[in-house]
Amino acid sequence: MSLYDLKIQTPKGEEKSVNDYKAKAMIIVNTASKCGFAPQFDGLQELYEKYKEDGLQILGFPSNQFMNQEPGSSEEAEEHCRINYGVSFPMFAKTEVRGKDAHPLFKHLTKEAPGIISGSIKWNFTKFLIDEDGNVVKRYAPKTEPKDIEEDIKKLLAK
């Protein structure tokens, strides 16, 4: 199964296909607005603004699986990101990112880039860099700041 075969949901519950982002480099990130890493939204937005015209797409997936740090609805999570961080990249419905009920997207990502200790996502703001062919290039820990992956993005976009 390809990354592009997967379906995802908007905050309003509309189904989209990852295929809508085909031929773009992507950062896929699980988020939580009440997480200590939430200021990374600023850095993600900066990367998006800087590189979207060159083919970078960022997709945010709120998750409430880590200490109840995204307790509201999908729409509330999206609104919080737009109002408080100026996020203009697409945010999607609240998503299970680990465990038996993990969304197929995150099962795919963690299979392709399992991480150091195990395949499981350990916390909010785990980031995956995807090339324009849908291959997972690299996985970044939650503490990795968006600015620290900029060089990898530039290399990917230069191909």
C-alpha atoms as a PDB file:
ATOM      1  CA  MET A   1       0.000   0.000   0.000  1.00  0.00           C
ATOM      2  CA  SER A   2       1.228   3.452  -0.925  1.00  0.00           C
ATOM      3  CA  LEU A   3       0.998   6.546   1.245  1.00  0.00           C
ATOM      4  CA  TYR A   4      -1.121   8.035  -1.546  1.00  0.00           C
ATOM      5  CA  ASP A   5      -3.772   5.310  -1.178  1.00  0.00           C
ATOM      6  CA  LEU A   6      -4.684   6.506   2.326  1.00  0.00           C
ATOM      7  CA  LYS A   7      -7.704   8.613   3.254  1.00  0.00           C
ATOM      8  CA  ILE A   8      -7.690  11.351   5.900  1.00  0.00           C
ATOM      9  CA  GLN A   9     -10.428  13.498   7.421  1.00  0.00           C
ATOM     10  CA  THR A  10     -10.736  17.255   7.660  1.00  0.00           C
ATOM     11  CA  PRO A  11     -11.808  18.786  10.992  1.00  0.00           C
ATOM     12  CA  LYS A  12     -15.346  18.927   9.592  1.00  0.00           C
ATOM     13  CA  GLY A  13     -15.288  15.173   8.898  1.00  0.00           C
ATOM     14  CA  GLU A  14     -14.890  15.401   5.118  1.00  0.00           C
ATOM     15  CA  GLU A  15     -12.749  12.680   3.577  1.00  0.00           C
ATOM     16  CA  LYS A  16      -9.640  13.637   1.629  1.00  0.00           C
ATOM     17  CA  SER A  17      -6.977  11.561  -0.006  1.00  0.00           C
ATOM     18  CA  VAL A  18      -3.276  11.860   0.732  1.00  0.00           C
ATOM     19  CA  ASN A  19      -3.048  11.614  -3.061  1.00  0.00           C
ATOM     20  CA  ASP A  20      -4.191  15.275  -3.123  1.00  0.00           C
ATOM     21  CA  TYR A  21      -0.638  16.101  -1.994  1.00  0.00           C
ATOM     22  CA  LYS A  22       1.154  13.847  -4.487  1.00  0.00           C
ATOM     23  CA  ALA A  23       4.332  15.248  -6.064  1.00  0.00           C
ATOM     24  CA  LYS A  24       4.959  17.499  -3.069  1.00  0.00           C
ATOM     25  CA  ALA A  25       7.482  17.147  -0.296  1.00  0.00           C
ATOM     26  CA  MET A  26       5.577  16.896   2.979  1.00  0.00           C
ATOM     27  CA  ILE A  27       6.016  17.195   6.697  1.00  0.00           C
ATOM     28  CA  ILE A  28       3.397  15.156   8.514  1.00  0.00           C
ATOM     29  CA  VAL A  29       3.186  15.952  12.217  1.00  0.00           C
ATOM     30  CA  ASN A  30       0.994  14.902  15.130  1.00  0.00           C
ATOM     31  CA  THR A  31       0.102  17.937  17.213  1.00  0.00           C
ATOM     32  CA  ALA A  32      -1.543  19.043  20.451  1.00  0.00           C
ATOM     33  CA  SER A  33      -2.382  22.647  21.225  1.00  0.00           C
ATOM     34  CA  LYS A  34      -1.870  22.284  24.989  1.00  0.00           C
ATOM     35  CA  CYS A  35       1.531  20.581  24.660  1.00  0.00           C
ATOM     36  CA  GLY A  36       4.759  22.229  25.780  1.00  0.00           C
ATOM     37  CA  PHE A  37       5.963  21.793  22.194  1.00  0.00           C
ATOM     38  CA  ALA A  38       2.995  23.772  20.777  1.00  0.00           C
ATOM     39  CA  PRO A  39       5.231  26.807  20.063  1.00  0.00           C
ATOM     40  CA  GLN A  40       6.645  24.643  17.255  1.00  0.00           C
ATOM     41  CA  PHE A  41       3.525  25.649  15.317  1.00  0.00           C
ATOM     42  CA  ASP A  42       5.312  28.975  14.749  1.00  0.00           C
ATOM     43  CA  GLY A  43       8.354  27.250  13.257  1.00  0.00           C
ATOM     44  CA  LEU A  44       6.242  24.916  11.143  1.00  0.00           C
ATOM     45  CA  GLN A  45       4.280  27.875   9.807  1.00  0.00           C
ATOM     46  CA  GLU A  46       7.524  29.704   8.986  1.00  0.00           C
ATOM     47  CA  LEU A  47       8.778  26.687   7.012  1.00  0.00           C
ATOM     48  CA  TYR A  48       5.458  26.425   5.223  1.00  0.00           C
ATOM     49  CA  GLU A  49       5.451  30.084   4.216  1.00  0.00           C
ATOM     50  CA  LYS A  50       9.081  29.947   3.116  1.00  0.00           C
ATOM     51  CA  TYR A  51       8.877  26.755   1.029  1.00  0.00           C
ATOM     52  CA  LYS A  52       5.253  26.198  -0.037  1.00  0.00           C
ATOM     53  CA  GLU A  53       5.899  27.806  -3.437  1.00  0.00           C
ATOM     54  CA  ASP A  54       8.817  25.368  -3.891  1.00  0.00           C
ATOM     55  CA  GLY A  55       6.572  22.366  -3.243  1.00  0.00           C
ATOM     56  CA  LEU A  56       6.508  21.847   0.535  1.00  0.00           C
ATOM     57  CA  GLN A  57       3.232  20.840   2.162  1.00  0.00           C
ATOM     58  CA  ILE A  58       2.737  20.491   5.912  1.00  0.00           C
ATOM     59  CA  LEU A  59      -0.111  18.357   7.259  1.00  0.00           C
ATOM     60  CA  GLY A  60      -1.040  18.608  10.945  1.00  0.00           C
ATOM     61  CA  PHE A  61      -2.923  15.898  12.818  1.00  0.00           C
ATOM     62  CA  PRO A  62      -4.126  16.791  16.317  1.00  0.00           C
ATOM     63  CA  SER A  63      -4.059  13.897  18.764  1.00  0.00           C
ATOM     64  CA  ASN A  64      -5.302  13.595  22.313  1.00  0.00           C
ATOM     65  CA  GLN A  65      -3.312  10.444  23.105  1.00  0.00           C
ATOM     66  CA  PHE A  66      -0.674  12.136  25.238  1.00  0.00           C
ATOM     67  CA  MET A  67      -1.853  13.400  28.628  1.00  0.00           C
ATOM     68  CA  ASN A  68      -5.123  14.871  27.296  1.00  0.00           C
ATOM     69  CA  GLN A  69      -3.309  17.759  25.572  1.00  0.00           C
ATOM     70  CA  GLU A  70      -5.876  18.112  22.784  1.00  0.00           C
ATOM     71  CA  PRO A  71      -9.168  17.767  24.685  1.00  0.00           C
ATOM     72  CA  GLY A  72     -11.484  19.747  22.398  1.00  0.00           C
ATOM     73  CA  SER A  73     -13.061  18.894  19.076  1.00  0.00           C
ATOM     74  CA  SER A  74     -11.189  18.750  15.783  1.00  0.00           C
ATOM     75  CA  GLU A  75     -12.682  22.111  14.832  1.00  0.00           C
ATOM     76  CA  GLU A  76     -11.559  23.658  18.142  1.00  0.00           C
ATOM     77  CA  ALA A  77      -8.026  22.332  17.622  1.00  0.00           C
ATOM     78  CA  GLU A  78      -7.893  23.792  14.117  1.00  0.00           C
ATOM     79  CA  GLU A  79      -9.280  27.145  15.289  1.00  0.00           C
ATOM     80  CA  HIS A  80      -6.780  27.319  18.175  1.00  0.00           C
ATOM     81  CA  CYS A  81      -3.881  26.760  15.742  1.00  0.00           C
ATOM     82  CA  ARG A  82      -5.115  29.423  13.331  1.00  0.00           C
ATOM     83  CA  ILE A  83      -5.867  32.041  15.994  1.00  0.00           C
ATOM     84  CA  ASN A  84      -2.909  31.513  18.312  1.00  0.00           C
ATOM     85  CA  TYR A  85      -0.179  30.504  15.849  1.00  0.00           C
ATOM     86  CA  GLY A  86      -1.396  31.792  12.488  1.00  0.00           C
ATOM     87  CA  VAL A  87      -1.345  28.293  11.037  1.00  0.00           C
ATOM     88  CA  SER A  88      -2.383  28.288   7.383  1.00  0.00           C
ATOM     89  CA  PHE A  89      -1.237  24.788   6.458  1.00  0.00           C
ATOM     90  CA  PRO A  90      -3.929  22.087   6.524  1.00  0.00           C
ATOM     91  CA  MET A  91      -4.962  20.680   9.874  1.00  0.00           C
ATOM     92  CA  PHE A  92      -6.980  17.486   9.950  1.00  0.00           C
ATOM     93  CA  ALA A  93      -9.378  15.707  12.285  1.00  0.00           C
ATOM     94  CA  LYS A  94      -8.163  14.486  15.665  1.00  0.00           C
ATOM     95  CA  THR A  95      -6.334  11.276  14.970  1.00  0.00           C
ATOM     96  CA  GLU A  96      -5.117   8.227  16.865  1.00  0.00           C
ATOM     97  CA  VAL A  97      -1.391   8.047  16.135  1.00  0.00           C
ATOM     98  CA  ARG A  98      -0.373   4.981  18.147  1.00  0.00           C
ATOM     99  CA  GLY A  99      -1.793   1.758  19.493  1.00  0.00           C
ATOM    100  CA  LYS A 100      -4.186  -0.723  17.934  1.00  0.00           C
ATOM    101  CA  ASP A 101      -6.532   2.053  16.785  1.00  0.00           C
ATOM    102  CA  ALA A 102      -3.792   4.148  15.156  1.00  0.00           C
ATOM    103  CA  HIS A 103      -4.850   5.668  11.862  1.00  0.00           C
ATOM    104  CA  PRO A 104      -3.469   3.792   8.833  1.00  0.00           C
ATOM    105  CA  LEU A 105      -1.447   6.902   7.918  1.00  0.00           C
ATOM    106  CA  PHE A 106       0.499   6.745  11.172  1.00  0.00           C
ATOM    107  CA  LYS A 107       0.819   2.969  10.975  1.00  0.00           C
ATOM    108  CA  HIS A 108       2.404   3.462   7.563  1.00  0.00           C
ATOM    109  CA  LEU A 109       4.713   6.263   8.727  1.00  0.00           C
ATOM    110  CA  THR A 110       5.954   4.390  11.786  1.00  0.00           C
ATOM    111  CA  LYS A 111       6.498   1.224   9.748  1.00  0.00           C
ATOM    112  CA  GLU A 112       8.605   3.171   7.236  1.00  0.00           C
ATOM    113  CA  ALA A 113      10.486   5.166   9.917  1.00  0.00           C
ATOM    114  CA  PRO A 114      10.219   3.200  13.164  1.00  0.00           C
ATOM    115  CA  GLY A 115      12.286   5.435  15.416  1.00  0.00           C
ATOM    116  CA  ILE A 116      15.127   4.541  17.735  1.00  0.00           C
ATOM    117  CA  ILE A 117      13.571   2.356  20.432  1.00  0.00           C
ATOM    118  CA  SER A 118      10.302   1.210  18.882  1.00  0.00           C
ATOM    119  CA  GLY A 119       7.954   2.079  16.066  1.00  0.00           C
ATOM    120  CA  SER A 120       5.489   3.761  18.364  1.00  0.00           C
ATOM    121  CA  ILE A 121       5.074   7.524  18.434  1.00  0.00           C
ATOM    122  CA  LYS A 122       6.166   8.590  21.904  1.00  0.00           C
ATOM    123  CA  TRP A 123       4.788  12.142  22.084  1.00  0.00           C
ATOM    124  CA  ASN A 124       3.225  15.091  20.280  1.00  0.00           C
ATOM    125  CA  PHE A 125       5.124  16.811  17.466  1.00  0.00           C
ATOM    126  CA  THR A 126       6.794  13.741  16.033  1.00  0.00           C
ATOM    127  CA  LYS A 127       7.555  14.876  12.495  1.00  0.00           C
ATOM    128  CA  PHE A 128       7.955  12.837   9.300  1.00  0.00           C
ATOM    129  CA  LEU A 129       9.603  14.225   6.177  1.00  0.00           C
ATOM    130  CA  ILE A 130       8.190  12.709   2.984  1.00  0.00           C
ATOM    131  CA  ASP A 131       9.644  13.084  -0.507  1.00  0.00           C
ATOM    132  CA  GLU A 132       7.631  13.917  -3.634  1.00  0.00           C
ATOM    133  CA  ASP A 133       7.282  10.197  -4.403  1.00  0.00           C
ATOM    134  CA  GLY A 134       5.647   9.445  -1.035  1.00  0.00           C
ATOM    135  CA  ASN A 135       8.707   7.890   0.609  1.00  0.00           C
ATOM    136  CA  VAL A 136       9.442   8.603   4.257  1.00  0.00           C
ATOM    137  CA  VAL A 137      12.847  10.276   4.208  1.00  0.00           C
ATOM    138  CA  LYS A 138      13.326  10.906   7.914  1.00  0.00           C
ATOM    139  CA  ARG A 139      11.584  10.916  11.278  1.00  0.00           C
ATOM    140  CA  TYR A 140      12.236  13.676  13.813  1.00  0.00           C
ATOM    141  CA  ALA A 141      11.759  13.556  17.557  1.00  0.00           C
ATOM    142  CA  PRO A 142       9.212  15.848  19.229  1.00  0.00           C
ATOM    143  CA  LYS A 143      11.984  18.025  20.673  1.00  0.00           C
ATOM    144  CA  THR A 144      13.480  18.653  17.204  1.00  0.00           C
ATOM    145  CA  GLU A 145      12.643  22.234  16.321  1.00  0.00           C
ATOM    146  CA  PRO A 146      11.279  22.884  12.826  1.00  0.00           C
ATOM    147  CA  LYS A 147      14.241  25.164  12.016  1.00  0.00           C
ATOM    148  CA  ASP A 148      16.531  22.188  12.627  1.00  0.00           C
ATOM    149  CA  ILE A 149      15.015  20.256   9.716  1.00  0.00           C
ATOM    150  CA  GLU A 150      15.244  23.115   7.222  1.00  0.00           C
ATOM    151  CA  GLU A 151      18.470  21.838   5.638  1.00  0.00           C
ATOM    152  CA  ASP A 152      16.854  18.450   4.995  1.00  0.00           C
ATOM    153  CA  ILE A 153      13.874  20.218   3.411  1.00  0.00           C
ATOM    154  CA  LYS A 154      16.125  22.284   1.157  1.00  0.00           C
ATOM    155  CA  LYS A 155      17.986  19.165  -0.013  1.00  0.00           C
ATOM    156  CA  LEU A 156      14.703  17.431  -0.751  1.00  0.00           C
ATOM    157  CA  LEU A 157      13.286  20.375  -2.691  1.00  0.00           C
ATOM    158  CA  ALA A 158      16.515  20.762  -4.680  1.00  0.00           C
ATOM    159  CA  LYS A 159      16.140  17.310  -6.265  1.00  0.00           C
END
